[in-house]
């Protein structure tokens, strides 16, 4: 019997293009868990948002809020002592994007809806925050080739990246692992990935950093 901690709920977070969903899926397999993933492809307003942010920001944001509310409700109804759930979002991320993209009146309406939903997400046992420079984020977005992301600009990614950095500078609600994902491949490189998993298994409290040199295959 090992001394590794059982994680009931792991969250992988980070800006667009950093690889959080791909890593979350791999962690699900490693920890024999279940996935709780956001589905941007289902948001019918997202392509319109990237084409015309001013007009489509509010419906795009409200759709994501309702989607995440349903997912959080499903999580609250599960037995977190019997399995490991891995998700690719913190609920607080929704507000981060709302504050970036909505004007003052829209943000007031959003906050009213947020409050009315009485959301109470369980605190994760661990948050893995992935970081990478903006040029790398944009290259990864372009590589995955989602049609609705084609209009995305570097300036928008920089604003998102800066907002994440500011948020996690203050974050202390759960144990936090900050990962420099610029020069490692946590999906295709098994050595990089196994190093990360071994580091995760040792974490119990506090703030931690993972910044290894990439070991190319």
N, C-alpha and C. Protein backbone atom coordinates (compact mmCIF):
# COMPACT_ATOMS: atom_id res chain seq x y z
N UNK A 1 0.85 -1.20 0.00
CA UNK A 1 0.00 0.00 0.00
C UNK A 1 0.89 1.25 0.00
N UNK A 2 0.69 2.18 -0.92
CA UNK A 2 1.55 3.35 -0.97
C UNK A 2 0.98 4.47 -0.10
N UNK A 3 1.77 5.52 0.03
CA UNK A 3 1.37 6.65 0.86
C UNK A 3 0.85 7.81 0.04
N UNK A 4 0.56 7.56 -1.24
CA UNK A 4 0.07 8.63 -2.09
C UNK A 4 -1.34 9.02 -1.68
N UNK A 5 -1.62 10.27 -1.84
CA UNK A 5 -2.94 10.79 -1.50
C UNK A 5 -3.97 10.42 -2.55
N UNK A 6 -5.20 10.13 -2.10
CA UNK A 6 -6.30 9.96 -3.04
C UNK A 6 -6.86 11.33 -3.39
N UNK A 7 -6.89 11.63 -4.67
CA UNK A 7 -7.48 12.88 -5.15
C UNK A 7 -8.90 12.60 -5.61
N UNK A 8 -9.86 13.24 -4.97
CA UNK A 8 -11.25 13.09 -5.39
C UNK A 8 -11.57 14.00 -6.56
N UNK A 9 -10.91 15.17 -6.61
CA UNK A 9 -11.25 16.15 -7.64
C UNK A 9 -9.99 16.93 -8.02
N UNK A 10 -9.53 16.74 -9.25
CA UNK A 10 -8.39 17.46 -9.79
C UNK A 10 -8.89 18.40 -10.88
N UNK A 11 -8.43 19.63 -10.85
CA UNK A 11 -8.76 20.60 -11.89
C UNK A 11 -7.49 20.98 -12.63
N UNK A 12 -7.55 20.96 -13.96
CA UNK A 12 -6.47 21.46 -14.80
C UNK A 12 -6.94 22.77 -15.42
N UNK A 13 -6.18 23.83 -15.21
CA UNK A 13 -6.58 25.15 -15.69
C UNK A 13 -5.44 25.83 -16.43
N UNK A 14 -5.80 26.90 -17.13
CA UNK A 14 -4.82 27.68 -17.86
C UNK A 14 -5.46 28.33 -19.06
N UNK A 15 -4.75 29.24 -19.71
CA UNK A 15 -5.31 30.00 -20.83
C UNK A 15 -5.57 29.13 -22.05
N UNK A 16 -6.32 29.68 -22.99
CA UNK A 16 -6.66 28.98 -24.23
C UNK A 16 -5.39 28.52 -24.93
N UNK A 17 -5.35 27.26 -25.36
CA UNK A 17 -4.23 26.75 -26.12
C UNK A 17 -3.12 26.12 -25.30
N UNK A 18 -3.22 26.15 -23.98
CA UNK A 18 -2.12 25.67 -23.16
C UNK A 18 -2.12 24.15 -23.02
N UNK A 19 -3.24 23.49 -23.35
CA UNK A 19 -3.28 22.03 -23.31
C UNK A 19 -4.00 21.44 -22.12
N UNK A 20 -4.86 22.20 -21.48
CA UNK A 20 -5.50 21.72 -20.25
C UNK A 20 -6.45 20.55 -20.49
N UNK A 21 -7.22 20.59 -21.57
CA UNK A 21 -8.17 19.50 -21.81
C UNK A 21 -7.45 18.21 -22.16
N UNK A 22 -6.41 18.30 -22.97
CA UNK A 22 -5.63 17.11 -23.32
C UNK A 22 -4.99 16.49 -22.08
N UNK A 23 -4.44 17.32 -21.20
CA UNK A 23 -3.85 16.79 -19.98
C UNK A 23 -4.92 16.21 -19.07
N UNK A 24 -6.05 16.88 -18.95
CA UNK A 24 -7.13 16.36 -18.10
C UNK A 24 -7.56 14.96 -18.56
N UNK A 25 -7.69 14.78 -19.86
CA UNK A 25 -8.10 13.46 -20.37
C UNK A 25 -7.06 12.39 -20.02
N UNK A 26 -5.79 12.76 -20.08
CA UNK A 26 -4.76 11.76 -19.77
C UNK A 26 -4.75 11.44 -18.26
N UNK A 27 -4.98 12.44 -17.44
CA UNK A 27 -5.04 12.20 -15.99
C UNK A 27 -6.22 11.31 -15.62
N UNK A 28 -7.31 11.44 -16.34
CA UNK A 28 -8.47 10.57 -16.10
C UNK A 28 -8.05 9.11 -16.23
N UNK A 29 -7.29 8.79 -17.26
CA UNK A 29 -6.83 7.41 -17.46
C UNK A 29 -5.88 6.98 -16.36
N UNK A 30 -4.93 7.85 -16.02
CA UNK A 30 -3.93 7.51 -15.01
C UNK A 30 -4.56 7.25 -13.65
N UNK A 31 -5.52 8.08 -13.27
CA UNK A 31 -6.13 7.96 -11.95
C UNK A 31 -7.42 7.14 -11.97
N UNK A 32 -7.68 6.48 -13.11
CA UNK A 32 -8.87 5.63 -13.24
C UNK A 32 -10.11 6.40 -12.81
N UNK A 33 -10.21 7.62 -13.33
CA UNK A 33 -11.27 8.52 -12.88
C UNK A 33 -12.33 8.78 -13.93
N UNK A 34 -13.02 9.88 -13.74
CA UNK A 34 -14.05 10.31 -14.65
C UNK A 34 -13.78 11.76 -15.06
N UNK A 35 -14.15 12.09 -16.29
CA UNK A 35 -13.87 13.42 -16.83
C UNK A 35 -15.07 14.34 -16.67
N UNK A 36 -14.79 15.59 -16.37
CA UNK A 36 -15.80 16.63 -16.33
C UNK A 36 -15.22 17.80 -17.13
N UNK A 37 -15.53 17.83 -18.42
CA UNK A 37 -14.86 18.74 -19.35
C UNK A 37 -15.84 19.73 -19.95
N UNK A 38 -15.38 20.98 -20.10
CA UNK A 38 -16.21 21.95 -20.81
C UNK A 38 -16.23 21.61 -22.29
N UNK A 39 -17.28 22.01 -22.97
CA UNK A 39 -17.42 21.69 -24.39
C UNK A 39 -17.67 22.97 -25.16
N UNK A 40 -16.57 23.62 -25.54
CA UNK A 40 -16.69 24.88 -26.28
C UNK A 40 -17.37 24.68 -27.62
N UNK A 41 -17.20 23.51 -28.22
CA UNK A 41 -17.79 23.27 -29.54
C UNK A 41 -19.31 23.34 -29.51
N UNK A 42 -19.90 23.12 -28.34
CA UNK A 42 -21.37 23.15 -28.22
C UNK A 42 -21.93 24.56 -28.11
N UNK A 43 -21.06 25.54 -27.84
CA UNK A 43 -21.54 26.90 -27.64
C UNK A 43 -21.84 27.55 -28.99
N UNK A 44 -23.12 27.77 -29.31
CA UNK A 44 -23.46 28.28 -30.64
C UNK A 44 -23.07 29.74 -30.87
N UNK A 45 -22.67 30.42 -29.79
CA UNK A 45 -22.34 31.84 -29.89
C UNK A 45 -20.85 32.10 -30.00
N UNK A 46 -20.05 31.03 -29.86
CA UNK A 46 -18.61 31.25 -29.74
C UNK A 46 -17.99 31.74 -31.04
N UNK A 47 -18.36 31.15 -32.15
CA UNK A 47 -17.81 31.62 -33.42
C UNK A 47 -18.20 33.07 -33.67
N UNK A 48 -19.45 33.42 -33.34
CA UNK A 48 -19.88 34.81 -33.50
C UNK A 48 -19.09 35.74 -32.59
N UNK A 49 -18.73 35.25 -31.39
CA UNK A 49 -17.95 36.07 -30.48
C UNK A 49 -16.58 36.42 -31.07
N UNK A 50 -15.90 35.43 -31.63
CA UNK A 50 -14.58 35.71 -32.19
C UNK A 50 -14.67 36.60 -33.42
N UNK A 51 -15.78 36.54 -34.13
CA UNK A 51 -15.95 37.41 -35.30
C UNK A 51 -16.36 38.83 -34.90
N UNK A 52 -17.18 38.93 -33.84
CA UNK A 52 -17.71 40.23 -33.42
C UNK A 52 -17.86 40.24 -31.90
N UNK A 53 -16.75 40.39 -31.16
CA UNK A 53 -16.79 40.27 -29.70
C UNK A 53 -17.78 41.21 -29.02
N UNK A 54 -17.90 42.39 -29.52
CA UNK A 54 -18.76 43.37 -28.86
C UNK A 54 -20.23 42.92 -28.84
N UNK A 55 -20.70 42.33 -29.91
CA UNK A 55 -22.10 41.95 -30.01
C UNK A 55 -22.40 40.58 -29.41
N UNK A 56 -21.44 39.67 -29.43
CA UNK A 56 -21.74 38.29 -29.05
C UNK A 56 -21.17 37.87 -27.71
N UNK A 57 -20.50 38.78 -27.01
CA UNK A 57 -19.86 38.40 -25.74
C UNK A 57 -20.87 37.93 -24.70
N UNK A 58 -21.96 38.65 -24.56
CA UNK A 58 -22.92 38.31 -23.50
C UNK A 58 -23.57 36.94 -23.72
N UNK A 59 -24.16 36.65 -24.90
CA UNK A 59 -24.76 35.32 -25.04
C UNK A 59 -23.74 34.20 -24.95
N UNK A 60 -22.53 34.42 -25.46
CA UNK A 60 -21.50 33.39 -25.36
C UNK A 60 -21.16 33.11 -23.90
N UNK A 61 -21.05 34.18 -23.12
CA UNK A 61 -20.70 34.02 -21.71
C UNK A 61 -21.83 33.39 -20.92
N UNK A 62 -23.06 33.77 -21.20
CA UNK A 62 -24.20 33.21 -20.48
C UNK A 62 -24.36 31.73 -20.80
N UNK A 63 -24.08 31.35 -22.04
CA UNK A 63 -24.16 29.93 -22.39
C UNK A 63 -23.15 29.13 -21.58
N UNK A 64 -21.91 29.63 -21.50
CA UNK A 64 -20.90 28.93 -20.73
C UNK A 64 -21.29 28.85 -19.25
N UNK A 65 -21.85 29.91 -18.72
CA UNK A 65 -22.26 29.91 -17.32
C UNK A 65 -23.29 28.82 -17.06
N UNK A 66 -24.29 28.71 -17.90
CA UNK A 66 -25.32 27.70 -17.71
C UNK A 66 -24.75 26.30 -17.90
N UNK A 67 -23.86 26.14 -18.86
CA UNK A 67 -23.23 24.83 -19.07
C UNK A 67 -22.44 24.41 -17.83
N UNK A 68 -21.67 25.34 -17.28
CA UNK A 68 -20.85 25.00 -16.11
C UNK A 68 -21.71 24.78 -14.88
N UNK A 69 -22.83 25.51 -14.77
CA UNK A 69 -23.74 25.29 -13.66
C UNK A 69 -24.29 23.87 -13.67
N UNK A 70 -24.65 23.37 -14.84
CA UNK A 70 -25.13 21.99 -14.94
C UNK A 70 -24.04 21.00 -14.56
N UNK A 71 -22.81 21.27 -14.99
CA UNK A 71 -21.72 20.36 -14.69
C UNK A 71 -21.41 20.34 -13.19
N UNK A 72 -21.42 21.51 -12.57
CA UNK A 72 -21.17 21.59 -11.13
C UNK A 72 -22.27 20.86 -10.36
N UNK A 73 -23.51 21.02 -10.79
CA UNK A 73 -24.61 20.31 -10.14
C UNK A 73 -24.41 18.81 -10.23
N UNK A 74 -23.98 18.33 -11.39
CA UNK A 74 -23.73 16.89 -11.56
C UNK A 74 -22.60 16.44 -10.64
N UNK A 75 -21.56 17.27 -10.51
CA UNK A 75 -20.44 16.92 -9.64
C UNK A 75 -20.88 16.85 -8.19
N UNK A 76 -21.72 17.76 -7.76
CA UNK A 76 -22.18 17.78 -6.37
C UNK A 76 -23.02 16.55 -6.03
N UNK A 77 -23.62 15.93 -7.05
CA UNK A 77 -24.48 14.78 -6.81
C UNK A 77 -23.73 13.46 -6.88
N UNK A 78 -22.42 13.52 -7.10
CA UNK A 78 -21.63 12.30 -7.19
C UNK A 78 -20.92 12.04 -5.86
N UNK A 79 -20.44 10.83 -5.72
CA UNK A 79 -19.71 10.44 -4.52
C UNK A 79 -18.22 10.65 -4.75
N UNK A 80 -17.71 11.77 -4.25
CA UNK A 80 -16.31 12.11 -4.47
C UNK A 80 -15.35 11.24 -3.66
N UNK A 81 -15.88 10.41 -2.77
CA UNK A 81 -15.01 9.54 -1.99
C UNK A 81 -14.73 8.22 -2.70
N UNK A 82 -15.46 7.97 -3.78
CA UNK A 82 -15.35 6.67 -4.45
C UNK A 82 -14.61 6.75 -5.78
N UNK A 83 -14.37 7.93 -6.28
CA UNK A 83 -13.74 8.06 -7.58
C UNK A 83 -12.94 9.34 -7.64
N UNK A 84 -12.19 9.50 -8.72
CA UNK A 84 -11.46 10.73 -8.98
C UNK A 84 -12.09 11.41 -10.19
N UNK A 85 -12.46 12.66 -10.01
CA UNK A 85 -12.99 13.45 -11.11
C UNK A 85 -11.92 14.44 -11.54
N UNK A 86 -11.71 14.52 -12.85
CA UNK A 86 -10.73 15.46 -13.41
C UNK A 86 -11.48 16.40 -14.34
N UNK A 87 -11.37 17.69 -14.08
CA UNK A 87 -12.05 18.67 -14.91
C UNK A 87 -11.04 19.66 -15.48
N UNK A 88 -11.46 20.33 -16.55
CA UNK A 88 -10.58 21.30 -17.21
C UNK A 88 -11.05 22.73 -17.00
N UNK A 89 -11.75 22.95 -15.89
CA UNK A 89 -12.16 24.31 -15.56
C UNK A 89 -12.43 24.46 -14.07
N UNK A 90 -12.11 25.61 -13.55
CA UNK A 90 -12.61 26.08 -12.26
C UNK A 90 -13.84 26.94 -12.53
N UNK A 91 -14.80 26.89 -11.65
CA UNK A 91 -15.97 27.73 -11.85
C UNK A 91 -15.58 29.20 -11.90
N UNK A 92 -14.58 29.60 -11.10
CA UNK A 92 -14.15 30.99 -11.07
C UNK A 92 -13.65 31.47 -12.43
N UNK A 93 -13.22 30.53 -13.28
CA UNK A 93 -12.76 30.89 -14.62
C UNK A 93 -13.85 31.59 -15.41
N UNK A 94 -15.10 31.20 -15.18
CA UNK A 94 -16.20 31.81 -15.90
C UNK A 94 -16.27 33.31 -15.63
N UNK A 95 -16.08 33.68 -14.39
CA UNK A 95 -16.11 35.10 -14.03
C UNK A 95 -14.89 35.84 -14.57
N UNK A 96 -13.78 35.16 -14.64
CA UNK A 96 -12.58 35.77 -15.20
C UNK A 96 -12.84 36.22 -16.64
N UNK A 97 -13.44 35.33 -17.43
CA UNK A 97 -13.74 35.68 -18.82
C UNK A 97 -14.84 36.73 -18.90
N UNK A 98 -15.82 36.66 -18.02
CA UNK A 98 -16.89 37.66 -18.03
C UNK A 98 -16.32 39.06 -17.80
N UNK A 99 -15.40 39.19 -16.88
CA UNK A 99 -14.83 40.50 -16.58
C UNK A 99 -13.94 41.01 -17.71
N UNK A 100 -13.37 40.10 -18.48
CA UNK A 100 -12.56 40.49 -19.63
C UNK A 100 -13.42 40.97 -20.80
N UNK A 101 -14.57 40.31 -21.00
CA UNK A 101 -15.28 40.45 -22.27
C UNK A 101 -16.57 41.26 -22.21
N UNK A 102 -17.13 41.48 -21.05
CA UNK A 102 -18.43 42.15 -20.95
C UNK A 102 -18.26 43.62 -20.57
N UNK A 103 -19.17 44.45 -21.06
CA UNK A 103 -19.16 45.84 -20.61
C UNK A 103 -19.83 45.93 -19.24
N UNK A 104 -19.88 47.10 -18.65
CA UNK A 104 -20.33 47.24 -17.27
C UNK A 104 -21.76 46.76 -17.08
N UNK A 105 -22.66 47.16 -17.97
CA UNK A 105 -24.06 46.76 -17.83
C UNK A 105 -24.23 45.26 -18.03
N UNK A 106 -23.53 44.70 -19.01
CA UNK A 106 -23.60 43.27 -19.24
C UNK A 106 -23.05 42.50 -18.04
N UNK A 107 -21.97 43.02 -17.47
CA UNK A 107 -21.37 42.34 -16.32
C UNK A 107 -22.32 42.34 -15.13
N UNK A 108 -23.06 43.42 -14.93
CA UNK A 108 -24.05 43.46 -13.84
C UNK A 108 -25.12 42.40 -14.06
N UNK A 109 -25.59 42.27 -15.30
CA UNK A 109 -26.59 41.25 -15.61
C UNK A 109 -26.02 39.85 -15.39
N UNK A 110 -24.80 39.64 -15.84
CA UNK A 110 -24.13 38.35 -15.64
C UNK A 110 -24.02 38.02 -14.15
N UNK A 111 -23.58 39.01 -13.35
CA UNK A 111 -23.41 38.77 -11.92
C UNK A 111 -24.75 38.46 -11.24
N UNK A 112 -25.83 39.09 -11.70
CA UNK A 112 -27.15 38.78 -11.16
C UNK A 112 -27.52 37.33 -11.45
N UNK A 113 -27.26 36.88 -12.67
CA UNK A 113 -27.55 35.50 -13.03
C UNK A 113 -26.67 34.53 -12.25
N UNK A 114 -25.40 34.88 -12.13
CA UNK A 114 -24.47 34.04 -11.38
C UNK A 114 -24.96 33.86 -9.93
N UNK A 115 -25.38 34.97 -9.32
CA UNK A 115 -25.86 34.91 -7.94
C UNK A 115 -27.14 34.09 -7.83
N UNK A 116 -28.01 34.20 -8.81
CA UNK A 116 -29.30 33.51 -8.75
C UNK A 116 -29.14 32.00 -8.86
N UNK A 117 -28.05 31.55 -9.48
CA UNK A 117 -27.83 30.12 -9.63
C UNK A 117 -27.35 29.46 -8.34
N UNK A 118 -26.92 30.28 -7.39
CA UNK A 118 -26.48 29.77 -6.08
C UNK A 118 -25.46 28.64 -6.25
N UNK A 119 -24.47 28.89 -7.07
CA UNK A 119 -23.48 27.87 -7.35
C UNK A 119 -22.58 27.63 -6.14
N UNK A 120 -22.28 26.39 -5.89
CA UNK A 120 -21.45 26.03 -4.74
C UNK A 120 -20.58 24.84 -5.15
N UNK A 121 -19.57 25.13 -5.93
CA UNK A 121 -18.72 24.05 -6.45
C UNK A 121 -17.85 23.48 -5.34
N UNK A 122 -17.72 22.15 -5.28
CA UNK A 122 -16.79 21.56 -4.31
C UNK A 122 -15.37 22.04 -4.58
N UNK A 123 -14.62 22.29 -3.53
CA UNK A 123 -13.23 22.71 -3.71
C UNK A 123 -12.41 21.55 -4.23
N UNK A 124 -11.57 21.79 -5.24
CA UNK A 124 -10.71 20.70 -5.74
C UNK A 124 -9.68 20.30 -4.69
N UNK A 125 -9.24 19.06 -4.78
CA UNK A 125 -8.12 18.60 -3.96
C UNK A 125 -6.80 19.11 -4.50
N UNK A 126 -6.80 19.42 -5.80
CA UNK A 126 -5.59 19.94 -6.44
C UNK A 126 -5.98 20.71 -7.69
N UNK A 127 -5.33 21.86 -7.89
CA UNK A 127 -5.46 22.60 -9.14
C UNK A 127 -4.10 22.60 -9.83
N UNK A 128 -4.08 22.17 -11.08
CA UNK A 128 -2.87 22.20 -11.90
C UNK A 128 -3.02 23.35 -12.89
N UNK A 129 -2.19 24.36 -12.73
CA UNK A 129 -2.27 25.57 -13.56
C UNK A 129 -1.14 25.53 -14.57
N UNK A 130 -1.50 25.40 -15.86
CA UNK A 130 -0.52 25.35 -16.94
C UNK A 130 -0.25 26.74 -17.49
N UNK A 131 1.04 27.06 -17.66
CA UNK A 131 1.46 28.34 -18.21
C UNK A 131 2.29 28.13 -19.47
N UNK A 132 2.22 29.08 -20.40
CA UNK A 132 3.10 29.10 -21.57
C UNK A 132 3.07 30.51 -22.15
N UNK A 133 4.14 30.93 -22.83
CA UNK A 133 4.15 32.26 -23.46
C UNK A 133 3.05 32.38 -24.50
N UNK A 134 2.64 33.61 -24.76
CA UNK A 134 1.49 33.86 -25.62
C UNK A 134 1.75 33.38 -27.05
N UNK A 135 2.98 33.53 -27.55
CA UNK A 135 3.25 33.08 -28.92
C UNK A 135 3.08 31.57 -29.05
N UNK A 136 3.43 30.84 -27.99
CA UNK A 136 3.24 29.38 -28.01
C UNK A 136 1.75 29.04 -27.94
N UNK A 137 1.01 29.77 -27.11
CA UNK A 137 -0.43 29.55 -27.04
C UNK A 137 -1.08 29.74 -28.41
N UNK A 138 -0.72 30.82 -29.08
CA UNK A 138 -1.32 31.10 -30.38
C UNK A 138 -0.94 30.02 -31.39
N UNK A 139 0.30 29.56 -31.36
CA UNK A 139 0.73 28.51 -32.29
C UNK A 139 -0.06 27.23 -32.05
N UNK A 140 -0.33 26.91 -30.79
CA UNK A 140 -1.10 25.70 -30.49
C UNK A 140 -2.56 25.85 -30.89
N UNK A 141 -3.11 27.03 -30.73
CA UNK A 141 -4.48 27.28 -31.18
C UNK A 141 -4.57 27.10 -32.69
N UNK A 142 -3.61 27.65 -33.41
CA UNK A 142 -3.61 27.52 -34.86
C UNK A 142 -3.44 26.05 -35.28
N UNK A 143 -2.61 25.32 -34.55
CA UNK A 143 -2.34 23.92 -34.91
C UNK A 143 -3.58 23.06 -34.77
N UNK A 144 -4.39 23.29 -33.73
CA UNK A 144 -5.56 22.43 -33.55
C UNK A 144 -6.67 22.76 -34.54
N UNK A 145 -6.66 23.94 -35.11
CA UNK A 145 -7.47 24.23 -36.28
C UNK A 145 -8.97 24.31 -36.09
N UNK A 146 -9.43 24.67 -34.89
CA UNK A 146 -10.87 24.85 -34.70
C UNK A 146 -11.34 26.05 -35.50
N UNK A 147 -12.37 25.86 -36.30
CA UNK A 147 -12.81 26.93 -37.22
C UNK A 147 -13.19 28.20 -36.47
N UNK A 148 -13.88 28.05 -35.33
CA UNK A 148 -14.36 29.23 -34.61
C UNK A 148 -13.21 30.02 -33.98
N UNK A 149 -12.02 29.41 -33.85
CA UNK A 149 -10.89 30.11 -33.23
C UNK A 149 -10.01 30.84 -34.25
N UNK A 150 -10.28 30.70 -35.52
CA UNK A 150 -9.40 31.31 -36.53
C UNK A 150 -9.24 32.82 -36.38
N UNK A 151 -10.31 33.56 -36.00
CA UNK A 151 -10.12 35.01 -35.87
C UNK A 151 -9.38 35.44 -34.59
N UNK A 152 -9.05 34.51 -33.72
CA UNK A 152 -8.43 34.87 -32.44
C UNK A 152 -7.11 35.59 -32.65
N UNK A 153 -6.89 36.67 -31.91
CA UNK A 153 -5.69 37.47 -32.05
C UNK A 153 -4.78 37.31 -30.83
N UNK A 154 -3.50 37.59 -31.05
CA UNK A 154 -2.53 37.47 -29.97
C UNK A 154 -2.85 38.39 -28.80
N UNK A 155 -3.35 39.59 -29.09
CA UNK A 155 -3.66 40.53 -28.03
C UNK A 155 -4.73 39.97 -27.08
N UNK A 156 -5.71 39.28 -27.65
CA UNK A 156 -6.75 38.68 -26.81
C UNK A 156 -6.16 37.57 -25.93
N UNK A 157 -5.30 36.75 -26.51
CA UNK A 157 -4.66 35.70 -25.72
C UNK A 157 -3.78 36.29 -24.62
N UNK A 158 -3.13 37.40 -24.90
CA UNK A 158 -2.30 38.03 -23.87
C UNK A 158 -3.16 38.52 -22.71
N UNK A 159 -4.30 39.11 -23.02
CA UNK A 159 -5.20 39.57 -21.95
C UNK A 159 -5.67 38.40 -21.09
N UNK A 160 -5.99 37.28 -21.75
CA UNK A 160 -6.41 36.09 -21.01
C UNK A 160 -5.27 35.56 -20.15
N UNK A 161 -4.10 35.46 -20.74
CA UNK A 161 -2.94 34.93 -20.02
C UNK A 161 -2.60 35.80 -18.81
N UNK A 162 -2.66 37.10 -18.98
CA UNK A 162 -2.39 38.02 -17.87
C UNK A 162 -3.44 37.88 -16.77
N UNK A 163 -4.70 37.71 -17.18
CA UNK A 163 -5.78 37.56 -16.19
C UNK A 163 -5.60 36.27 -15.38
N UNK A 164 -5.19 35.19 -16.05
CA UNK A 164 -4.93 33.94 -15.34
C UNK A 164 -3.77 34.10 -14.36
N UNK A 165 -2.70 34.75 -14.82
CA UNK A 165 -1.54 34.92 -13.95
C UNK A 165 -1.92 35.72 -12.70
N UNK A 166 -2.72 36.77 -12.88
CA UNK A 166 -3.15 37.57 -11.74
C UNK A 166 -4.05 36.76 -10.81
N UNK A 167 -4.96 35.97 -11.39
CA UNK A 167 -5.87 35.16 -10.57
C UNK A 167 -5.10 34.15 -9.72
N UNK A 168 -4.17 33.43 -10.34
CA UNK A 168 -3.48 32.39 -9.60
C UNK A 168 -2.37 32.93 -8.70
N UNK A 169 -1.97 34.17 -8.92
CA UNK A 169 -1.05 34.81 -7.97
C UNK A 169 -1.71 34.91 -6.60
N UNK A 170 -3.03 35.09 -6.60
CA UNK A 170 -3.78 35.24 -5.35
C UNK A 170 -4.47 33.96 -4.89
N UNK A 171 -4.49 32.94 -5.71
CA UNK A 171 -5.30 31.76 -5.42
C UNK A 171 -4.72 30.95 -4.27
N UNK A 172 -5.55 30.63 -3.27
CA UNK A 172 -5.09 29.80 -2.16
C UNK A 172 -6.20 28.89 -1.62
N UNK A 173 -7.25 28.69 -2.40
CA UNK A 173 -8.38 27.89 -1.93
C UNK A 173 -8.08 26.40 -1.91
N UNK A 174 -7.16 25.95 -2.76
CA UNK A 174 -6.80 24.54 -2.86
C UNK A 174 -5.31 24.43 -3.08
N UNK A 175 -4.73 23.24 -2.85
CA UNK A 175 -3.34 23.04 -3.25
C UNK A 175 -3.18 23.37 -4.73
N UNK A 176 -2.07 24.02 -5.07
CA UNK A 176 -1.88 24.53 -6.43
C UNK A 176 -0.52 24.08 -6.95
N UNK A 177 -0.52 23.50 -8.16
CA UNK A 177 0.71 23.16 -8.85
C UNK A 177 0.80 24.00 -10.11
N UNK A 178 1.82 24.86 -10.19
CA UNK A 178 2.04 25.74 -11.34
C UNK A 178 3.05 25.08 -12.25
N UNK A 179 2.64 24.83 -13.49
CA UNK A 179 3.45 24.06 -14.44
C UNK A 179 3.88 24.95 -15.60
N UNK A 180 5.18 25.01 -15.85
CA UNK A 180 5.69 25.67 -17.04
C UNK A 180 5.55 24.68 -18.20
N UNK A 181 4.53 24.89 -19.04
CA UNK A 181 4.22 23.94 -20.11
C UNK A 181 4.79 24.37 -21.45
N UNK A 182 5.72 25.32 -21.45
CA UNK A 182 6.23 25.85 -22.71
C UNK A 182 7.10 24.86 -23.45
N UNK A 183 7.97 24.15 -22.73
CA UNK A 183 8.98 23.32 -23.38
C UNK A 183 8.83 21.85 -23.08
N UNK A 184 7.67 21.45 -22.59
CA UNK A 184 7.42 20.03 -22.34
C UNK A 184 6.15 19.63 -23.07
N UNK A 185 6.04 18.35 -23.34
CA UNK A 185 4.87 17.81 -24.03
C UNK A 185 4.23 16.77 -23.11
N UNK A 186 3.16 17.17 -22.46
CA UNK A 186 2.52 16.31 -21.47
C UNK A 186 1.54 15.33 -22.09
N UNK A 187 1.38 15.39 -23.40
CA UNK A 187 0.48 14.46 -24.09
C UNK A 187 1.26 13.40 -24.86
N UNK A 188 2.22 13.82 -25.67
CA UNK A 188 2.93 12.88 -26.53
C UNK A 188 4.23 12.35 -25.92
N UNK A 189 4.78 13.04 -24.93
CA UNK A 189 6.05 12.63 -24.33
C UNK A 189 5.78 11.95 -22.98
N UNK A 190 5.91 10.63 -22.96
CA UNK A 190 5.59 9.87 -21.75
C UNK A 190 6.51 10.22 -20.58
N UNK A 191 7.75 10.55 -20.88
CA UNK A 191 8.70 10.88 -19.79
C UNK A 191 8.27 12.19 -19.11
N UNK A 192 7.96 13.19 -19.90
CA UNK A 192 7.48 14.45 -19.33
C UNK A 192 6.23 14.21 -18.48
N UNK A 193 5.32 13.43 -19.04
CA UNK A 193 4.04 13.20 -18.35
C UNK A 193 4.25 12.44 -17.04
N UNK A 194 5.07 11.40 -17.06
CA UNK A 194 5.28 10.61 -15.85
C UNK A 194 5.96 11.43 -14.76
N UNK A 195 6.87 12.32 -15.16
CA UNK A 195 7.48 13.22 -14.17
C UNK A 195 6.41 14.07 -13.49
N UNK A 196 5.49 14.59 -14.28
CA UNK A 196 4.42 15.41 -13.71
C UNK A 196 3.54 14.58 -12.78
N UNK A 197 3.16 13.39 -13.18
CA UNK A 197 2.30 12.55 -12.34
C UNK A 197 2.97 12.23 -11.01
N UNK A 198 4.25 11.89 -11.05
CA UNK A 198 4.96 11.60 -9.80
C UNK A 198 4.98 12.83 -8.90
N UNK A 199 5.13 14.00 -9.48
CA UNK A 199 5.10 15.23 -8.68
C UNK A 199 3.71 15.45 -8.09
N UNK A 200 2.68 15.23 -8.88
CA UNK A 200 1.30 15.39 -8.40
C UNK A 200 1.04 14.48 -7.21
N UNK A 201 1.51 13.25 -7.27
CA UNK A 201 1.21 12.27 -6.21
C UNK A 201 1.80 12.67 -4.86
N UNK A 202 2.79 13.55 -4.85
CA UNK A 202 3.42 13.95 -3.59
C UNK A 202 2.74 15.14 -2.93
N UNK A 203 1.83 15.80 -3.63
CA UNK A 203 1.28 17.08 -3.16
C UNK A 203 0.15 16.85 -2.17
N UNK A 204 0.21 17.58 -1.08
CA UNK A 204 -0.88 17.53 -0.11
C UNK A 204 -1.42 18.93 0.20
N UNK A 205 -0.55 19.88 0.44
CA UNK A 205 -1.00 21.24 0.73
C UNK A 205 -0.05 22.23 0.05
N UNK A 206 -0.51 23.48 -0.03
CA UNK A 206 0.37 24.55 -0.43
C UNK A 206 0.51 24.76 -1.92
N UNK A 207 1.49 25.59 -2.27
CA UNK A 207 1.78 25.99 -3.65
C UNK A 207 3.07 25.33 -4.09
N UNK A 208 3.04 24.76 -5.30
CA UNK A 208 4.18 24.01 -5.81
C UNK A 208 4.45 24.42 -7.26
N UNK A 209 5.66 24.08 -7.74
CA UNK A 209 6.06 24.44 -9.09
C UNK A 209 6.66 23.22 -9.79
N UNK A 210 6.37 23.12 -11.09
CA UNK A 210 6.91 22.03 -11.91
C UNK A 210 7.50 22.68 -13.15
N UNK A 211 8.83 22.65 -13.24
CA UNK A 211 9.50 23.37 -14.33
C UNK A 211 10.71 22.56 -14.80
N UNK A 212 10.46 21.32 -15.27
CA UNK A 212 11.61 20.48 -15.68
C UNK A 212 12.07 20.84 -17.08
N UNK A 213 13.28 20.42 -17.41
CA UNK A 213 13.72 20.50 -18.79
C UNK A 213 12.99 19.44 -19.58
N UNK A 214 12.59 19.78 -20.79
CA UNK A 214 11.93 18.82 -21.64
C UNK A 214 12.89 17.69 -22.02
N UNK A 215 12.37 16.47 -21.96
CA UNK A 215 13.19 15.32 -22.35
C UNK A 215 12.61 14.80 -23.65
N UNK A 216 13.22 15.15 -24.75
CA UNK A 216 12.69 14.81 -26.06
C UNK A 216 12.80 13.31 -26.31
N UNK A 217 11.79 12.78 -26.99
CA UNK A 217 11.84 11.36 -27.38
C UNK A 217 12.75 11.20 -28.58
